[in-house]
Each structure stands twice: as C-alpha cells, then as structure tokens.
N, C-alpha and C. Protein backbone atom coordinates (compact mmCIF):
# COMPACT_ATOMS: atom_id res chain seq x y z
N UNK A 1 3.26 0.70 51.91
CA UNK A 1 2.07 1.79 51.26
C UNK A 1 2.50 2.94 50.58
N UNK A 2 2.58 2.58 49.41
CA UNK A 2 3.21 4.21 48.34
C UNK A 2 1.45 4.88 48.08
N UNK A 3 1.63 6.33 48.47
CA UNK A 3 1.44 7.39 48.24
C UNK A 3 1.88 7.83 46.52
N UNK A 4 0.69 8.46 46.22
CA UNK A 4 0.59 8.56 44.24
C UNK A 4 -0.10 10.51 45.09
N UNK A 5 1.09 11.13 44.77
CA UNK A 5 1.18 12.72 44.92
C UNK A 5 0.62 13.25 43.66
N UNK A 6 0.56 12.44 42.71
CA UNK A 6 0.53 13.07 41.24
C UNK A 6 -1.52 13.31 41.35
N UNK A 7 -1.68 12.11 42.24
CA UNK A 7 -3.56 12.75 42.02
C UNK A 7 -3.91 13.27 43.17
N UNK A 8 -4.36 14.05 42.42
CA UNK A 8 -5.11 14.89 43.83
C UNK A 8 -6.24 13.75 44.92
N UNK A 9 -6.65 14.65 45.47
CA UNK A 9 -7.44 13.47 46.86
C UNK A 9 -8.76 13.64 47.00
N UNK A 10 -9.40 12.58 47.44
CA UNK A 10 -10.81 12.58 46.60
C UNK A 10 -11.64 12.64 45.37
N UNK A 11 -12.76 11.98 45.38
CA UNK A 11 -13.29 12.10 43.90
C UNK A 11 -13.65 13.04 43.12
N UNK A 12 -13.40 12.63 42.06
CA UNK A 12 -13.13 14.10 41.49
C UNK A 12 -14.12 13.85 39.98
N UNK A 13 -15.30 15.02 39.70
CA UNK A 13 -15.74 14.79 38.48
C UNK A 13 -15.01 14.77 37.29
N UNK A 14 -15.42 13.91 35.77
CA UNK A 14 -14.02 13.94 35.07
C UNK A 14 -14.28 15.25 34.23
N UNK A 15 -13.20 15.26 33.30
CA UNK A 15 -12.78 16.74 33.30
C UNK A 15 -14.01 16.92 31.97
N UNK A 16 -14.12 16.53 31.16
CA UNK A 16 -15.28 16.40 30.61
C UNK A 16 -16.41 17.12 31.39
N UNK A 17 -17.28 16.93 32.05
CA UNK A 17 -18.08 16.92 32.70
C UNK A 17 -18.04 18.38 33.11
N UNK A 18 -16.81 18.59 33.98
CA UNK A 18 -16.53 20.14 34.42
C UNK A 18 -16.30 21.07 33.09
N UNK A 19 -16.00 20.62 32.35
CA UNK A 19 -15.57 21.71 31.03
C UNK A 19 -17.52 21.98 30.42
N UNK A 20 -18.17 20.92 30.43
CA UNK A 20 -19.48 20.90 30.18
C UNK A 20 -20.57 21.78 30.61
N UNK A 21 -19.99 21.74 31.97
CA UNK A 21 -20.42 22.68 33.33
C UNK A 21 -20.32 23.63 32.98
N UNK A 22 -19.31 24.02 32.86
CA UNK A 22 -18.27 25.27 32.71
C UNK A 22 -19.52 25.96 30.98
N UNK A 23 -19.18 25.64 29.94
CA UNK A 23 -19.68 25.87 28.99
C UNK A 23 -21.36 26.36 28.90
N UNK A 24 -21.65 24.90 29.93
CA UNK A 24 -23.56 25.41 30.13
C UNK A 24 -23.85 26.57 30.82
N UNK A 25 -22.97 27.32 31.84
CA UNK A 25 -23.18 28.55 32.53
C UNK A 25 -22.46 29.66 31.54
N UNK A 26 -21.89 29.26 30.79
CA UNK A 26 -21.20 30.80 29.90
C UNK A 26 -22.53 30.70 29.30
N UNK A 27 -22.38 29.86 28.25
CA UNK A 27 -23.83 30.06 26.96
C UNK A 27 -25.22 30.61 27.78
N UNK A 28 -25.70 30.10 28.98
CA UNK A 28 -26.46 30.94 29.55
C UNK A 28 -26.70 32.07 30.10
N UNK A 29 -24.90 32.08 30.41
CA UNK A 29 -25.35 34.12 30.59
C UNK A 29 -25.63 34.62 28.80
N UNK A 30 -24.92 34.31 28.22
CA UNK A 30 -24.98 34.63 26.74
C UNK A 30 -26.45 35.13 26.27
N UNK A 31 -27.30 34.32 26.93
CA UNK A 31 -28.45 34.16 26.42
C UNK A 31 -29.33 34.70 27.00
N UNK A 32 -29.10 34.56 28.51
CA UNK A 32 -29.55 36.16 29.32
C UNK A 32 -29.07 37.59 28.98
N UNK A 33 -28.30 37.54 28.67
CA UNK A 33 -27.82 39.09 28.07
C UNK A 33 -28.44 39.35 26.45
N UNK A 34 -28.41 38.06 25.93
CA UNK A 34 -29.30 38.79 24.82
C UNK A 34 -30.92 38.78 25.11
N UNK A 35 -31.72 38.01 25.67
CA UNK A 35 -32.61 38.53 26.34
C UNK A 35 -32.67 39.76 26.95
N UNK A 36 -31.98 40.08 28.44
CA UNK A 36 -32.41 41.27 28.84
C UNK A 36 -32.09 42.65 27.92
N UNK A 37 -31.16 42.51 26.36
CA UNK A 37 -31.12 43.88 25.36
C UNK A 37 -32.42 43.43 24.87
N UNK A 38 -33.58 42.61 24.36
CA UNK A 38 -34.29 42.82 23.92
C UNK A 38 -35.56 43.40 25.49
N UNK A 39 -35.47 42.99 26.26
CA UNK A 39 -36.33 43.94 27.15
C UNK A 39 -36.20 45.15 27.10
N UNK A 40 -34.99 45.12 26.90
CA UNK A 40 -34.64 46.93 27.69
C UNK A 40 -34.60 47.57 26.06
N UNK A 41 -34.90 46.96 24.96
CA UNK A 41 -35.06 47.64 23.60
C UNK A 41 -36.69 47.81 23.60
N UNK A 42 -37.38 47.13 24.36
CA UNK A 42 -38.86 47.12 24.43
C UNK A 42 -38.90 48.04 25.25
N UNK A 43 -38.46 48.70 26.54
CA UNK A 43 -38.44 49.79 27.82
C UNK A 43 -38.67 50.64 27.11
N UNK A 44 -37.56 50.72 25.86
CA UNK A 44 -36.82 51.90 25.84
C UNK A 44 -38.15 52.84 24.57
N UNK A 45 -38.38 51.51 23.84
CA UNK A 45 -39.41 51.73 22.78
C UNK A 45 -40.77 52.24 23.40
N UNK A 46 -40.62 52.09 24.60
CA UNK A 46 -41.57 52.73 25.68
C UNK A 46 -41.77 53.27 26.25
N UNK A 47 -40.41 54.19 26.33
CA UNK A 47 -40.26 55.33 26.92
C UNK A 47 -40.25 55.54 28.34
N UNK A 48 -39.47 54.14 28.63
CA UNK A 48 -38.84 54.13 30.05
C UNK A 48 -37.51 54.87 30.21
N UNK A 49 -37.86 55.57 31.53
CA UNK A 49 -36.20 56.13 32.05
C UNK A 49 -35.49 55.32 32.13
N UNK A 50 -33.79 55.26 31.77
CA UNK A 50 -32.80 54.72 31.79
C UNK A 50 -32.96 53.61 30.91
N UNK A 51 -34.01 53.78 30.43
CA UNK A 51 -33.70 51.67 29.38
C UNK A 51 -32.91 52.42 28.29
N UNK A 52 -32.85 53.19 27.35
CA UNK A 52 -31.76 53.72 26.77
C UNK A 52 -30.17 53.05 26.71
N UNK A 53 -29.92 53.34 28.53
CA UNK A 53 -28.27 53.26 29.27
C UNK A 53 -28.52 52.22 29.35
N UNK A 54 -29.72 51.42 29.82
CA UNK A 54 -29.30 49.88 30.20
C UNK A 54 -29.18 48.82 28.98
N UNK A 55 -29.88 49.77 28.07
CA UNK A 55 -29.55 48.56 26.62
C UNK A 55 -27.83 48.98 26.02
N UNK A 56 -27.72 50.27 26.18
CA UNK A 56 -26.21 50.75 25.59
C UNK A 56 -25.14 49.35 26.38
N UNK A 57 -25.28 49.35 28.23
CA UNK A 57 -24.55 48.93 28.74
C UNK A 57 -24.37 47.33 27.95
N UNK A 58 -25.77 46.92 28.66
CA UNK A 58 -25.78 45.54 28.18
C UNK A 58 -25.23 45.07 26.83
N UNK A 59 -25.26 46.39 25.74
CA UNK A 59 -24.61 45.65 24.36
C UNK A 59 -23.30 45.93 24.88
N UNK A 60 -22.65 46.60 25.14
CA UNK A 60 -20.95 46.33 25.80
C UNK A 60 -20.78 45.63 26.72
N UNK A 61 -21.51 44.50 27.31
CA UNK A 61 -21.14 43.50 28.40
C UNK A 61 -21.51 42.24 27.21
N UNK A 62 -22.49 41.98 26.38
CA UNK A 62 -22.93 41.78 25.38
C UNK A 62 -22.02 41.29 24.47
N UNK A 63 -21.03 42.15 24.08
CA UNK A 63 -19.75 42.35 22.79
C UNK A 63 -18.93 41.74 23.21
N UNK A 64 -18.36 42.44 24.67
CA UNK A 64 -16.99 42.06 24.96
C UNK A 64 -17.34 40.10 25.62
N UNK A 65 -18.30 39.49 26.48
CA UNK A 65 -18.53 38.75 26.55
C UNK A 65 -18.73 37.58 25.65
N UNK A 66 -19.09 38.19 24.54
CA UNK A 66 -19.30 36.98 23.37
C UNK A 66 -17.88 36.81 23.18
N UNK A 67 -17.70 37.88 23.08
CA UNK A 67 -15.36 38.13 21.98
C UNK A 67 -14.64 36.95 23.06
N UNK A 68 -14.67 37.36 24.24
CA UNK A 68 -14.13 36.60 25.75
C UNK A 68 -14.49 35.05 25.27
N UNK A 69 -15.94 34.91 25.48
CA UNK A 69 -16.20 33.37 25.12
C UNK A 69 -15.66 32.33 23.56
N UNK A 70 -15.44 33.58 22.94
CA UNK A 70 -15.20 32.61 21.49
C UNK A 70 -13.98 32.71 21.87
N UNK A 71 -12.94 33.47 22.58
CA UNK A 71 -11.18 33.12 22.41
C UNK A 71 -11.16 31.92 23.48
N UNK A 72 -11.93 31.74 24.45
CA UNK A 72 -11.89 30.89 25.65
C UNK A 72 -12.02 29.24 24.85
N UNK A 73 -13.14 29.30 23.85
CA UNK A 73 -13.67 28.15 23.22
C UNK A 73 -12.68 27.56 22.65
N UNK A 74 -11.67 28.64 21.62
CA UNK A 74 -11.32 28.03 20.58
C UNK A 74 -9.71 27.53 21.49
N UNK A 75 -9.48 27.75 22.61
CA UNK A 75 -8.50 27.57 23.84
C UNK A 75 -8.51 26.11 24.86
N UNK A 76 -9.67 26.35 24.66
CA UNK A 76 -9.85 25.51 25.60
C UNK A 76 -10.26 23.93 24.98
N UNK A 77 -11.48 24.23 24.13
CA UNK A 77 -11.87 23.50 23.08
C UNK A 77 -11.55 22.92 21.87
N UNK A 78 -10.49 22.95 21.53
CA UNK A 78 -10.22 22.95 20.05
C UNK A 78 -9.92 21.21 19.72
N UNK A 79 -9.22 20.58 20.87
CA UNK A 79 -9.42 19.20 20.62
C UNK A 79 -10.52 18.73 20.06
N UNK A 80 -11.41 18.98 20.95
CA UNK A 80 -12.87 18.28 20.46
C UNK A 80 -13.37 18.57 19.32
N UNK A 81 -13.98 17.51 18.44
CA UNK A 81 -15.36 18.28 17.15
C UNK A 81 -16.20 19.06 17.82
N UNK A 82 -16.88 19.10 18.73
CA UNK A 82 -17.97 19.83 19.01
C UNK A 82 -17.39 21.48 19.47
N UNK A 83 -16.00 20.78 20.36
CA UNK A 83 -15.59 22.49 20.87
C UNK A 83 -15.36 22.92 19.95
N UNK A 84 -14.67 22.80 18.46
CA UNK A 84 -14.51 23.42 17.60
C UNK A 84 -16.08 24.11 16.72
N UNK A 85 -16.61 23.12 16.61
CA UNK A 85 -17.87 24.04 16.28
C UNK A 85 -18.39 25.26 16.81
N UNK A 86 -18.39 24.90 18.52
CA UNK A 86 -18.58 26.02 19.42
C UNK A 86 -18.36 27.13 19.47
N UNK A 87 -16.72 26.69 19.59
CA UNK A 87 -16.14 28.20 19.28
C UNK A 87 -16.12 29.19 17.91
N UNK A 88 -16.53 28.26 16.59
CA UNK A 88 -16.85 28.98 15.69
C UNK A 88 -18.02 29.59 15.45
N UNK A 89 -19.35 29.34 16.03
CA UNK A 89 -20.21 29.12 16.22
C UNK A 89 -20.48 30.53 17.39
N UNK A 90 -19.25 30.63 18.34
CA UNK A 90 -19.71 31.79 19.20
C UNK A 90 -18.46 33.29 18.41
N UNK A 91 -17.73 32.97 17.69
CA UNK A 91 -16.75 33.50 16.61
C UNK A 91 -17.93 34.24 15.64
N UNK A 92 -19.13 33.55 15.72
CA UNK A 92 -20.47 33.92 15.00
C UNK A 92 -20.96 34.64 15.67
N UNK A 93 -21.56 34.44 16.52
CA UNK A 93 -22.33 35.31 17.84
C UNK A 93 -21.45 36.74 17.85
N UNK A 94 -20.15 36.68 18.29
CA UNK A 94 -19.59 37.13 18.42
C UNK A 94 -19.15 38.85 17.30
N UNK A 95 -19.47 38.31 15.68
CA UNK A 95 -19.47 38.97 14.26
C UNK A 95 -20.65 39.82 14.64
N UNK A 96 -21.67 39.58 14.89
CA UNK A 96 -23.48 39.23 15.03
C UNK A 96 -22.98 40.32 16.24
N UNK A 97 -23.27 40.28 17.03
CA UNK A 97 -23.00 41.20 18.20
C UNK A 97 -22.65 42.67 18.29
N UNK A 98 -21.70 42.29 17.09
CA UNK A 98 -20.48 43.32 16.63
C UNK A 98 -21.24 43.95 16.08
N UNK A 99 -21.81 43.68 15.04
CA UNK A 99 -22.47 44.18 13.90
C UNK A 99 -23.99 45.37 14.53
N UNK A 100 -24.76 44.07 15.34
CA UNK A 100 -25.56 44.64 16.34
C UNK A 100 -25.40 46.09 17.07
N UNK A 101 -23.95 45.97 17.40
CA UNK A 101 -23.68 47.24 18.17
C UNK A 101 -23.04 48.78 17.73
N UNK A 102 -22.66 48.54 16.25
CA UNK A 102 -22.76 49.49 15.19
C UNK A 102 -23.41 50.27 14.28
N UNK A 103 -24.77 48.96 14.40
CA UNK A 103 -25.93 49.66 13.83
C UNK A 103 -27.16 50.49 14.48
N UNK A 104 -26.98 49.69 16.22
CA UNK A 104 -27.75 50.35 17.04
C UNK A 104 -26.99 51.69 17.56
N UNK A 105 -25.88 51.69 17.44
CA UNK A 105 -24.89 53.32 17.90
C UNK A 105 -25.84 54.60 16.64
N UNK A 106 -25.56 53.50 15.11
CA UNK A 106 -25.80 54.57 13.89
C UNK A 106 -27.06 54.92 14.05
N UNK A 107 -28.03 53.55 15.04
CA UNK A 107 -29.48 53.95 14.85
C UNK A 107 -29.89 54.95 16.13
N UNK A 108 -28.98 54.80 16.85
CA UNK A 108 -29.09 56.12 18.18
C UNK A 108 -29.05 57.77 17.52
N UNK A 109 -28.30 57.62 16.98
CA UNK A 109 -27.43 59.20 15.89
C UNK A 109 -28.68 59.15 14.68
N UNK A 110 -29.71 58.37 14.71
CA UNK A 110 -31.19 59.01 13.54
C UNK A 110 -30.56 58.72 12.27
N UNK A 111 -29.98 57.26 12.14
CA UNK A 111 -29.19 56.92 10.81
C UNK A 111 -30.79 55.81 10.74
N UNK A 112 -31.52 56.13 9.38
CA UNK A 112 -32.50 54.92 9.91
C UNK A 112 -32.45 53.13 9.67
N UNK A 113 -31.68 52.71 10.37
CA UNK A 113 -31.18 51.64 10.60
C UNK A 113 -32.48 50.20 11.18
N UNK A 114 -33.45 51.08 12.20
CA UNK A 114 -33.93 50.08 13.58
C UNK A 114 -34.65 49.07 11.97
N UNK A 115 -34.68 48.96 11.19
CA UNK A 115 -35.86 48.32 10.05
C UNK A 115 -34.05 46.86 10.36
N UNK A 116 -32.89 46.97 10.50
CA UNK A 116 -32.16 46.18 10.35
C UNK A 116 -32.22 45.76 11.64
N UNK A 117 -32.00 46.47 12.78
CA UNK A 117 -31.33 46.46 14.12
C UNK A 117 -32.39 45.30 14.57
N UNK A 118 -33.94 45.75 14.76
CA UNK A 118 -34.59 44.72 15.29
C UNK A 118 -34.17 42.95 14.54
N UNK A 119 -34.51 42.63 13.20
CA UNK A 119 -34.52 41.46 12.91
C UNK A 119 -32.87 40.88 13.26
N UNK A 120 -32.51 41.61 13.39
CA UNK A 120 -30.47 40.98 13.78
C UNK A 120 -30.27 40.70 15.01
N UNK A 121 -31.01 41.77 15.94
CA UNK A 121 -31.23 41.30 17.27
C UNK A 121 -32.29 39.85 17.26
N UNK A 122 -33.06 39.52 16.81
CA UNK A 122 -34.21 37.90 16.77
C UNK A 122 -32.84 37.09 16.13
N UNK A 123 -31.61 37.55 15.60
CA UNK A 123 -31.23 36.35 15.20
C UNK A 123 -29.98 36.08 15.72
N UNK A 124 -29.89 37.49 16.79
CA UNK A 124 -28.53 37.32 17.73
C UNK A 124 -29.19 36.23 18.57
N UNK A 125 -30.42 36.24 18.73
CA UNK A 125 -31.24 35.57 20.68
C UNK A 125 -31.37 34.00 20.07
N UNK A 126 -31.46 33.96 18.41
CA UNK A 126 -31.84 32.79 18.32
C UNK A 126 -30.71 31.45 18.42
N UNK A 127 -29.24 32.49 17.35
CA UNK A 127 -27.94 31.17 17.68
C UNK A 127 -27.29 31.45 18.99
N UNK A 128 -28.05 32.54 19.94
CA UNK A 128 -27.16 32.02 21.49
C UNK A 128 -27.87 31.44 22.30
N UNK A 129 -29.28 31.12 21.26
CA UNK A 129 -29.70 29.69 22.41
C UNK A 129 -29.23 28.51 21.44
N UNK A 130 -29.27 28.49 20.46
CA UNK A 130 -28.48 27.61 19.69
C UNK A 130 -27.55 27.06 19.68
N UNK A 131 -26.48 28.16 20.85
CA UNK A 131 -25.07 27.97 20.42
C UNK A 131 -24.76 27.06 22.22
N UNK A 132 -26.62 27.69 22.69
CA UNK A 132 -26.15 26.94 24.60
C UNK A 132 -27.21 25.84 24.14
N UNK A 133 -27.94 25.03 23.21
CA UNK A 133 -28.14 23.81 22.66
C UNK A 133 -26.47 23.11 22.50
N UNK A 134 -25.99 23.63 21.84
CA UNK A 134 -25.04 22.52 21.33
C UNK A 134 -24.19 22.53 22.56
N UNK A 135 -23.52 23.39 23.33
CA UNK A 135 -22.84 23.88 24.71
C UNK A 135 -23.29 22.42 25.67
N UNK A 136 -24.70 22.40 25.88
CA UNK A 136 -25.21 21.45 26.25
C UNK A 136 -24.61 19.65 26.52
N UNK A 137 -25.26 19.69 24.99
CA UNK A 137 -24.78 18.55 24.52
C UNK A 137 -23.36 18.29 23.86
N UNK A 138 -21.95 18.89 24.05
CA UNK A 138 -20.83 18.78 24.44
C UNK A 138 -20.21 17.23 24.77
N UNK A 139 -19.70 16.87 23.19
CA UNK A 139 -19.06 15.68 23.13
C UNK A 139 -17.39 15.76 23.35
N UNK A 140 -17.24 15.21 24.44
CA UNK A 140 -15.35 15.29 25.21
C UNK A 140 -14.73 13.89 24.78
N UNK A 141 -14.96 13.45 24.06
CA UNK A 141 -13.90 12.54 22.92
C UNK A 141 -13.21 13.64 22.16
N UNK A 142 -11.76 13.13 22.38
CA UNK A 142 -10.57 13.88 21.51
C UNK A 142 -10.56 13.48 20.40
N UNK A 143 -10.37 14.10 19.35
CA UNK A 143 -10.40 13.97 17.89
C UNK A 143 -8.85 13.71 18.29
N UNK A 144 -9.06 12.56 17.17
CA UNK A 144 -7.11 12.35 17.17
C UNK A 144 -7.28 12.38 15.64
C-alpha cells in the first residue's frame, strides 16, 4: 500500500472556497471600517468627546487596510478574471480613501472642504459595499 506524502491528510476545502471566504472576510472588514468612519463623523458633528480622534484613527486604519488589501488581491487573485477586477476595484477604493484622508486633514485645518469630504465618504462606503458583493461572487476558474 503506497502512501501519498504530497497530499495533506483529511478532507480539505477547495482552494477557491477558502480564498472566497478570506476575501469575504477582508471586504466585510473594509465595509465595517467605512461604516465606522461615518458613525464617528456623525459623533464628531454632534460634539461627542473623542469622536475626532476615533474618526482620525479609523481613517488611518482604513487607508492602510485598503492599500494592503489591494496589493494582496493583485498578488493572490491575478489569474482569476473576477480577481483582477476585484484588485482594480480595491486599488480605486484605496485611492479614494487616501484622497478622503487628505481632504479630511485639510478640513480639520479649517480649509472649507466639508462639502467634498462628506459626499466622498458616502461614495467610499458605497464602493466598499460593491467590492464586498464582488468578493462574495468571486469565480475561481483560472483564466487561460
């Protein structure tokens, strides 16, 4: 009786199902972070103590997370047609979040850009939700 040492013991989920689960988790985190940004922005506008610091911290986490997610998507999903699109959408989200952070920092320094900062925040949340939907529907057939 031969033993195949190259195959792991026990049942395993297919690679596509595992990657889909990972990307669903990553994109759900991005949606949650974008939503928390809106919550902290509302708290800040309501005058709640600490809301400005929470808004700034969440913005920094969102910038780093979207940049990291876009790089990871490019590296792990480049062979899948839907994966390439997800990577490009994450790159767009990272650019929007970075621009949003710059505009927010300028707004905090009394530059009159709140008229742009708020609608861009809505667009960031909408794109994050769209990306999460795309991650849920990833097709893991390898492109030829």
